[in-house]
Structure formats: structure tokens, C-alpha cells
Amino acid sequence: MKKSETPVRISAAGSAALSQRSGKTLGQRLLDNWQLYALLLIPVVLTVVYKYIPMYGIQIAFRDFDPNLGFTASRWVGFDWFTRFFKAPTFWRMMKNTVLISFYGLLWSFPIPIILSLIINQVRFHKFKRVVQTVLYAPHFISVMVICGMIKIFLSPTGGLLNLLLGTQIDFLTQSEAFRTIYIASGIWQDAGWGCIIYLATLANVDPGLYEAAKMDGASVFQRILNIDIPELLPMAILNLIMAAGGIMNVGFEKVWLLQTDLNKATSDVIAVYVYQQGIEQAKYSYSTAVGLFNTAINIVLLIIVNKIASKASDVQFV
């Protein structure tokens, strides 16, 4: 009887507290938890100021924007700028390059942090483990400008490390077929170590008793990884995949701009660079906004599609 009475008393106390809380007005609840709401106010204000208020300017994608007239006084042109972009001679080349660089980047760079986290998690020498983690994290903190300078030095036809190893004198940055490989490989080197942090944190929460039980049952290291580690990482991996799919059209402008040459434009000409050229260099504000809005719309559609697929295949759902 005592065992059955305890849950009843707890449930009654919980329901009493809930009813007391629900009886309070919104103002009373705000006063009771004002410290939490004060902390929440800072990111909310920053989000509104820097994310939502600028959306008012999106309308210039549908206007012939004149800075002297302002947003509302500029002539409304509807979808003319979008039509002009679709008819641009380089439209399909830019779409193809943007999609392929993003897709190949996701295909190759997405699984590597997971593999790294599984390998690092098996290291039992903690000092060596910390050294390995530090070495892998370090490239993430190097600026894109420095990374591109290093790439140009390593790939230099005269004295570059790669050419010295291969015994050649090839200027790889002028080879259009090599641009995607250079872009993706350098991105993996820079961000793979940083990307595995979240997976290592997930593995740190695995119950050690599961590993001990698996060892007692005679499970090998590979079997423990396959049956314990990977299932634990799967929800986080799917969540990261959904978020990565939402930015698949957002090829990093800085690295492409710094590594682009006239000879590799066949594969390096992407939408992000085109928006910069049209909007900043040529001051075509309405046109560049329309191109950027189209790019964002594609990302939103891809995010929704991947999210729906992931929610059907698993219990993980982002939006």
C-alpha cells in the first residue's frame, strides 16, 4: 500500500502546484521569472534587429530601386529581375557549379567528422587524445584569407609542396577541373576537426555499462561501434544533415572569390560571387537582391524536403 500511495501524493502535489501556477496572470509569471526573461530579451532583440527588420528591404527585389527615392517610392517591376537572371548567359553554369560544389562538399565532408569522432572515442591515452583533438581543431581558427594564401603557396607551380612531391610544375589553380577538389579538400581540412566536437560530446554521454556488457558478450571494437556508438550518433547526424541541406546553395563566397581566376571560372563561377559582382561592384541593388532571394528560396525548399524525408525515415525532425 505504501508503494502505491507515494505516486498518488506526488501527483497530487504536482497538480496542486500546476493549478496554482496556472492561476497566476502573465504579469505575475513574468515577475516571478524576470531574470530568465531578461537574459532571453538580449538574443530576441538582436534577432529582431539584425534578422527580421532587414527583411523589409527584400521588396527591392521587386522594384527598380533608386536610393534617392527609397524603397516605397521606387518603381514596382514585379518579377522582371528574376526573369533577367534566368535568361542570363551564365545562369545554368552558375547553378551547376553552385549545386555541384555544395553537393560534393556535403557528400565528402559530412561523414568525416563522424568517422573522426568514432576513432578519437576509441583512444584510451588521454594526453594523446587531447593532442590529437587540438591538432584537428586548430585549422578551424585560421581565417579564410590565410587559408587561401596557404593553398596558393602549397599549389604554386614553382616550389609548391604538391608539385615538389609530384615532381611537376602545374599551376593547379588555373585548372578548372581541379577547383572543386581544391575547394572541398581544403574545407575538410579546416572544419572536419571542429565538426566532430558535437559527436564526441554525444559519445561522452553513452553509458559505460553498455560497453562493459558488450565486452562481456565478446563484442569486438567494430561491433561495439556498429551497435552502440553509431545508433547514439544517428539522431545528431540526421539533425546536422537537415541543417546542412538548408544551406546547400550557400557556397562560401570568400574562398571562391580568393581562389577564382579567369582560367578556372568554368567551375568556380557560383551564385554568391555573381551577387557580389552585381550588387557591390556594379551597384545593381535590385538585381542582386533578386538573385540572392532566389538562392534563399531554393535553400528553404531543400530544407523542407530533407526535413520531411528525415522525419519519415527516423524520429528526428528539425522544423
Protein backbone atom coordinates (compact mmCIF):
# COMPACT_ATOMS: atom_id res chain seq x y z
CA MET A 1 0.00 0.00 0.00
CA LYS A 2 2.79 2.41 0.81
CA LYS A 3 4.33 1.92 -2.61
CA SER A 4 1.07 2.78 -4.30
CA GLU A 5 0.40 5.81 -2.10
CA THR A 6 3.67 7.58 -2.90
CA PRO A 7 2.95 8.28 -6.58
CA VAL A 8 -0.53 9.48 -5.64
CA ARG A 9 0.82 12.02 -3.16
CA ILE A 10 3.44 13.25 -5.65
CA SER A 11 0.86 13.51 -8.38
CA ALA A 12 -1.47 15.45 -6.13
CA ALA A 13 1.31 17.86 -5.13
CA GLY A 14 2.30 18.32 -8.74
CA SER A 15 -1.25 19.00 -9.83
CA ALA A 16 -1.70 21.48 -6.97
CA ALA A 17 1.45 23.35 -7.98
CA LEU A 18 0.30 23.31 -11.60
CA SER A 19 -3.11 24.70 -10.76
CA GLN A 20 -1.52 27.38 -8.57
CA ARG A 21 0.83 28.35 -11.38
CA SER A 22 -1.97 28.41 -13.95
CA GLY A 23 -3.97 30.73 -11.71
CA LYS A 24 -1.30 33.44 -12.00
CA THR A 25 -1.57 36.15 -14.57
CA LEU A 26 1.03 36.65 -17.29
CA GLY A 27 2.45 39.66 -15.47
CA GLN A 28 2.89 37.66 -12.26
CA ARG A 29 4.66 34.86 -14.10
CA LEU A 30 6.96 37.39 -15.76
CA LEU A 31 7.80 38.94 -12.39
CA ASP A 32 8.47 35.53 -10.84
CA ASN A 33 10.99 34.65 -13.56
CA TRP A 34 12.21 38.09 -14.61
CA GLN A 35 15.88 37.07 -14.56
CA LEU A 36 15.31 34.39 -17.21
CA TYR A 37 13.24 36.72 -19.36
CA ALA A 38 15.90 39.44 -19.04
CA LEU A 39 18.52 37.00 -20.38
CA LEU A 40 16.15 35.95 -23.16
CA LEU A 41 15.49 39.56 -24.13
CA ILE A 42 19.06 40.13 -25.41
CA PRO A 43 19.11 37.44 -28.14
CA VAL A 44 15.49 38.22 -29.06
CA VAL A 45 16.28 41.90 -29.63
CA LEU A 46 19.42 41.08 -31.61
CA THR A 47 17.50 38.60 -33.77
CA VAL A 48 14.72 41.08 -34.47
CA VAL A 49 17.12 43.94 -35.26
CA TYR A 50 19.56 42.01 -37.43
CA LYS A 51 17.34 39.28 -38.92
CA TYR A 52 13.74 40.42 -39.17
CA ILE A 53 13.87 44.20 -39.65
CA PRO A 54 16.22 43.89 -42.68
CA MET A 55 13.59 41.71 -44.36
CA TYR A 56 11.74 44.93 -45.11
CA GLY A 57 14.40 45.63 -47.74
CA ILE A 58 13.64 42.42 -49.66
CA GLN A 59 10.99 44.35 -51.57
CA ILE A 60 13.69 45.98 -53.69
CA ALA A 61 13.96 42.63 -55.49
CA PHE A 62 10.57 43.53 -56.99
CA ARG A 63 11.32 47.21 -57.60
CA ASP A 64 13.65 49.27 -59.78
CA PHE A 65 15.36 50.55 -56.66
CA ASP A 66 16.65 54.11 -56.65
CA PRO A 67 18.49 55.11 -53.44
CA ASN A 68 17.31 58.70 -53.91
CA LEU A 69 13.65 57.64 -53.91
CA GLY A 70 13.80 54.99 -51.22
CA PHE A 71 12.06 51.62 -51.02
CA THR A 72 8.41 52.51 -51.41
CA ALA A 73 8.84 55.30 -53.97
CA SER A 74 10.89 53.19 -56.38
CA ARG A 75 9.03 51.79 -59.39
CA TRP A 76 7.45 48.36 -58.95
CA VAL A 77 8.65 45.90 -61.62
CA GLY A 78 7.41 42.57 -60.24
CA PHE A 79 9.45 39.55 -61.34
CA ASP A 80 11.43 41.34 -64.07
CA TRP A 81 14.74 40.97 -62.24
CA PHE A 82 14.16 37.26 -61.70
CA THR A 83 13.36 36.80 -65.38
CA ARG A 84 16.53 38.66 -66.32
CA PHE A 85 18.58 36.36 -64.08
CA PHE A 86 17.02 33.21 -65.54
CA LYS A 87 17.88 34.47 -69.04
CA ALA A 88 21.47 35.38 -68.14
CA PRO A 89 24.05 33.60 -70.34
CA THR A 90 25.85 32.16 -67.31
CA PHE A 91 22.72 31.16 -65.35
CA TRP A 92 22.96 27.42 -65.89
CA ARG A 93 26.72 27.40 -65.38
CA MET A 94 26.36 29.20 -62.05
CA MET A 95 23.54 26.88 -60.94
CA LYS A 96 25.52 23.80 -61.92
CA ASN A 97 28.70 24.96 -60.19
CA THR A 98 26.88 26.02 -57.01
CA VAL A 99 24.95 22.75 -56.74
CA LEU A 100 27.91 20.50 -57.55
CA ILE A 101 30.33 22.21 -55.16
CA SER A 102 27.75 22.10 -52.37
CA PHE A 103 26.66 18.54 -53.10
CA TYR A 104 30.17 17.13 -53.37
CA GLY A 105 31.20 19.11 -50.31
CA LEU A 106 28.31 17.63 -48.33
CA LEU A 107 28.95 14.15 -49.71
CA TRP A 108 32.62 14.12 -48.70
CA SER A 109 32.77 16.42 -45.69
CA PHE A 110 29.64 15.30 -43.84
CA PRO A 111 30.73 11.74 -42.86
CA ILE A 112 34.34 12.64 -41.99
CA PRO A 113 33.59 14.33 -38.61
CA ILE A 114 31.53 11.27 -37.66
CA ILE A 115 34.37 8.92 -38.58
CA LEU A 116 36.89 11.09 -36.71
CA SER A 117 34.71 11.14 -33.59
CA LEU A 118 34.38 7.34 -33.65
CA ILE A 119 38.15 6.94 -33.98
CA ILE A 120 39.03 9.53 -31.31
CA ASN A 121 36.49 7.99 -28.94
CA GLN A 122 38.43 4.71 -29.06
CA VAL A 123 41.71 6.35 -27.97
CA ARG A 124 42.39 5.47 -24.34
CA PHE A 125 45.56 7.55 -23.81
CA HIS A 126 44.01 10.83 -22.65
CA LYS A 127 47.10 13.02 -23.22
CA PHE A 128 47.50 11.74 -26.76
CA LYS A 129 43.75 12.17 -27.28
CA ARG A 130 43.90 15.82 -26.24
CA VAL A 131 46.86 16.46 -28.54
CA VAL A 132 45.03 14.89 -31.49
CA GLN A 133 41.91 16.93 -30.78
CA THR A 134 43.91 20.16 -30.56
CA VAL A 135 45.67 19.46 -33.85
CA LEU A 136 42.35 18.73 -35.56
CA TYR A 137 40.59 21.79 -34.11
CA ALA A 138 43.37 24.28 -34.88
CA PRO A 139 42.68 24.82 -38.64
CA HIS A 140 39.16 25.99 -37.85
CA PHE A 141 40.55 29.13 -36.22
CA ILE A 142 42.62 30.13 -39.25
CA SER A 143 40.93 32.84 -41.31
CA VAL A 144 39.79 32.13 -44.86
CA MET A 145 42.23 34.74 -46.15
CA VAL A 146 45.17 32.90 -44.58
CA ILE A 147 43.84 29.52 -45.73
CA CYS A 148 43.67 30.73 -49.33
CA GLY A 149 47.20 32.15 -49.06
CA MET A 150 48.43 28.77 -47.80
CA ILE A 151 46.64 26.98 -50.64
CA LYS A 152 48.30 29.23 -53.23
CA ILE A 153 51.72 28.58 -51.67
CA PHE A 154 51.22 24.80 -51.47
CA LEU A 155 49.94 24.64 -55.06
CA SER A 156 52.45 27.05 -56.56
CA PRO A 157 53.97 25.70 -59.80
CA THR A 158 57.41 26.85 -58.63
CA GLY A 159 58.32 25.46 -55.24
CA GLY A 160 54.82 24.42 -54.15
CA LEU A 161 54.68 21.43 -51.81
CA LEU A 162 52.37 19.38 -54.04
CA ASN A 163 54.45 19.98 -57.15
CA LEU A 164 57.63 19.07 -55.26
CA LEU A 165 56.03 15.79 -54.16
CA LEU A 166 54.75 15.02 -57.66
CA GLY A 167 57.86 16.30 -59.45
CA THR A 168 55.74 18.58 -61.66
CA GLN A 169 55.28 22.28 -62.33
CA ILE A 170 51.50 22.51 -62.71
CA ASP A 171 49.54 25.60 -61.72
CA PHE A 172 46.56 23.76 -60.23
CA LEU A 173 44.57 26.95 -59.58
CA THR A 174 44.38 27.58 -63.32
CA GLN A 175 42.97 24.09 -63.91
CA SER A 176 39.16 24.36 -63.88
CA GLU A 177 38.77 20.61 -63.30
CA ALA A 178 40.85 20.85 -60.12
CA PHE A 179 38.97 23.74 -58.49
CA ARG A 180 36.22 21.69 -56.84
CA THR A 181 38.74 19.24 -55.39
CA ILE A 182 40.86 22.09 -54.00
CA TYR A 183 37.83 23.84 -52.53
CA ILE A 184 36.35 20.72 -50.89
CA ALA A 185 39.64 19.23 -49.67
CA SER A 186 40.72 22.48 -48.02
CA GLY A 187 37.27 22.78 -46.42
CA ILE A 188 37.53 19.28 -44.96
CA TRP A 189 40.99 20.01 -43.55
CA GLN A 190 39.76 23.25 -41.99
CA ASP A 191 36.43 22.17 -40.50
CA ALA A 192 36.38 18.39 -40.02
CA GLY A 193 38.04 18.51 -36.60
CA TRP A 194 35.74 21.25 -35.38
CA GLY A 195 32.69 19.40 -36.70
CA CYS A 196 33.45 16.27 -34.69
CA ILE A 197 33.15 18.11 -31.34
CA ILE A 198 29.39 17.71 -31.18
CA TYR A 199 29.67 14.00 -31.98
CA LEU A 200 32.33 13.48 -29.31
CA ALA A 201 30.05 15.21 -26.81
CA THR A 202 27.26 12.82 -27.80
CA LEU A 203 29.51 9.79 -27.35
CA ALA A 204 30.65 11.07 -23.95
CA ASN A 205 27.07 10.62 -22.71
CA VAL A 206 26.92 6.94 -23.62
CA ASP A 207 26.51 4.71 -20.57
CA PRO A 208 29.88 2.93 -19.95
CA GLY A 209 27.87 -0.07 -18.78
CA LEU A 210 26.85 -0.70 -22.37
CA TYR A 211 30.48 -1.09 -23.41
CA GLU A 212 31.23 -3.36 -20.44
CA ALA A 213 28.23 -5.55 -21.23
CA ALA A 214 29.25 -5.72 -24.89
CA LYS A 215 32.80 -6.74 -23.91
CA MET A 216 31.47 -9.48 -21.64
CA ASP A 217 29.36 -10.77 -24.54
CA GLY A 218 32.51 -10.95 -26.67
CA ALA A 219 31.74 -7.99 -28.96
CA SER A 220 34.71 -6.68 -30.92
CA VAL A 221 35.62 -2.98 -31.21
CA PHE A 222 33.93 -2.78 -34.60
CA GLN A 223 30.79 -4.44 -33.24
CA ARG A 224 30.65 -2.02 -30.31
CA ILE A 225 30.97 0.92 -32.70
CA LEU A 226 28.32 -0.53 -35.01
CA ASN A 227 25.77 -1.39 -32.33
CA ILE A 228 26.38 1.26 -29.64
CA ASP A 229 28.19 4.33 -31.00
CA ILE A 230 26.54 4.70 -34.39
CA PRO A 231 22.94 4.38 -33.09
CA GLU A 232 23.78 7.05 -30.49
CA LEU A 233 25.18 9.38 -33.16
CA LEU A 234 22.40 8.82 -35.68
CA PRO A 235 19.88 11.42 -34.37
CA MET A 236 22.57 14.12 -34.17
CA ALA A 237 23.89 13.18 -37.61
CA ILE A 238 20.41 13.45 -39.14
CA LEU A 239 19.86 16.82 -37.48
CA ASN A 240 23.17 18.12 -38.84
CA LEU A 241 22.30 16.74 -42.28
CA ILE A 242 18.99 18.65 -42.27
CA MET A 243 20.72 21.89 -41.32
CA ALA A 244 23.46 21.33 -43.92
CA ALA A 245 20.83 20.70 -46.61
CA GLY A 246 19.24 24.05 -45.75
CA GLY A 247 22.45 25.80 -46.81
CA ILE A 248 23.39 23.67 -49.78
CA MET A 249 23.21 26.66 -52.13
CA ASN A 250 25.36 28.84 -49.87
CA VAL A 251 28.80 28.18 -51.27
CA GLY A 252 31.35 30.15 -49.26
CA PHE A 253 31.85 33.41 -51.12
CA GLU A 254 35.19 34.39 -49.57
CA LYS A 255 37.14 31.27 -50.52
CA VAL A 256 35.70 31.12 -54.05
CA TRP A 257 36.43 34.81 -54.59
CA LEU A 258 40.03 34.50 -53.36
CA LEU A 259 40.80 31.33 -55.33
CA GLN A 260 38.97 32.25 -58.52
CA THR A 261 40.97 33.04 -61.65
CA ASP A 262 39.96 33.75 -65.23
CA LEU A 263 41.09 30.24 -66.18
CA ASN A 264 39.03 28.31 -63.62
CA LYS A 265 35.74 30.22 -63.94
CA ALA A 266 34.19 27.27 -65.76
CA THR A 267 33.84 25.56 -62.36
CA SER A 268 34.30 28.42 -59.87
CA ASP A 269 31.61 30.79 -61.15
CA VAL A 270 28.92 30.48 -58.44
CA ILE A 271 25.84 32.47 -57.45
CA ALA A 272 27.43 34.02 -54.35
CA VAL A 273 30.21 35.62 -56.39
CA TYR A 274 27.71 36.79 -59.01
CA VAL A 275 25.61 38.52 -56.33
CA TYR A 276 28.71 40.35 -55.09
CA GLN A 277 29.73 41.41 -58.57
CA GLN A 278 26.26 42.68 -59.49
CA GLY A 279 25.39 44.28 -56.16
CA ILE A 280 28.67 45.73 -54.91
CA GLU A 281 30.84 46.21 -57.97
CA GLN A 282 28.11 47.28 -60.40
CA ALA A 283 25.64 48.76 -57.86
CA LYS A 284 22.69 46.78 -59.29
CA TYR A 285 20.96 46.52 -55.93
CA SER A 286 17.58 45.28 -57.10
CA TYR A 287 19.03 42.69 -59.42
CA SER A 288 21.50 41.29 -56.88
CA THR A 289 18.76 41.17 -54.22
CA ALA A 290 16.53 39.20 -56.57
CA VAL A 291 19.34 36.71 -57.24
CA GLY A 292 20.04 36.36 -53.52
CA LEU A 293 16.33 35.90 -52.76
CA PHE A 294 16.08 33.18 -55.39
CA ASN A 295 19.07 31.43 -53.83
CA THR A 296 17.46 31.63 -50.37
CA ALA A 297 14.16 30.28 -51.68
CA ILE A 298 15.94 27.23 -53.10
CA ASN A 299 17.58 26.64 -49.70
CA ILE A 300 14.22 26.80 -47.91
CA VAL A 301 12.67 24.30 -50.33
CA LEU A 302 15.61 21.91 -49.90
CA LEU A 303 15.41 22.26 -46.11
CA ILE A 304 11.73 21.35 -46.08
CA ILE A 305 12.23 18.37 -48.43
CA VAL A 306 15.16 16.91 -46.48
CA ASN A 307 13.35 17.52 -43.20
CA LYS A 308 10.29 15.62 -44.43
CA ILE A 309 12.43 12.74 -45.68
CA ALA A 310 14.34 12.59 -42.38
CA SER A 311 11.14 12.68 -40.33
CA LYS A 312 9.78 9.74 -42.34
CA ALA A 313 13.00 7.74 -42.02
CA SER A 314 13.56 8.46 -38.30
CA ASP A 315 12.15 10.25 -35.27
CA VAL A 316 14.34 13.30 -35.81
CA GLN A 317 12.65 16.45 -37.13
CA PHE A 318 14.11 19.95 -37.27
CA VAL A 319 11.11 22.07 -38.28
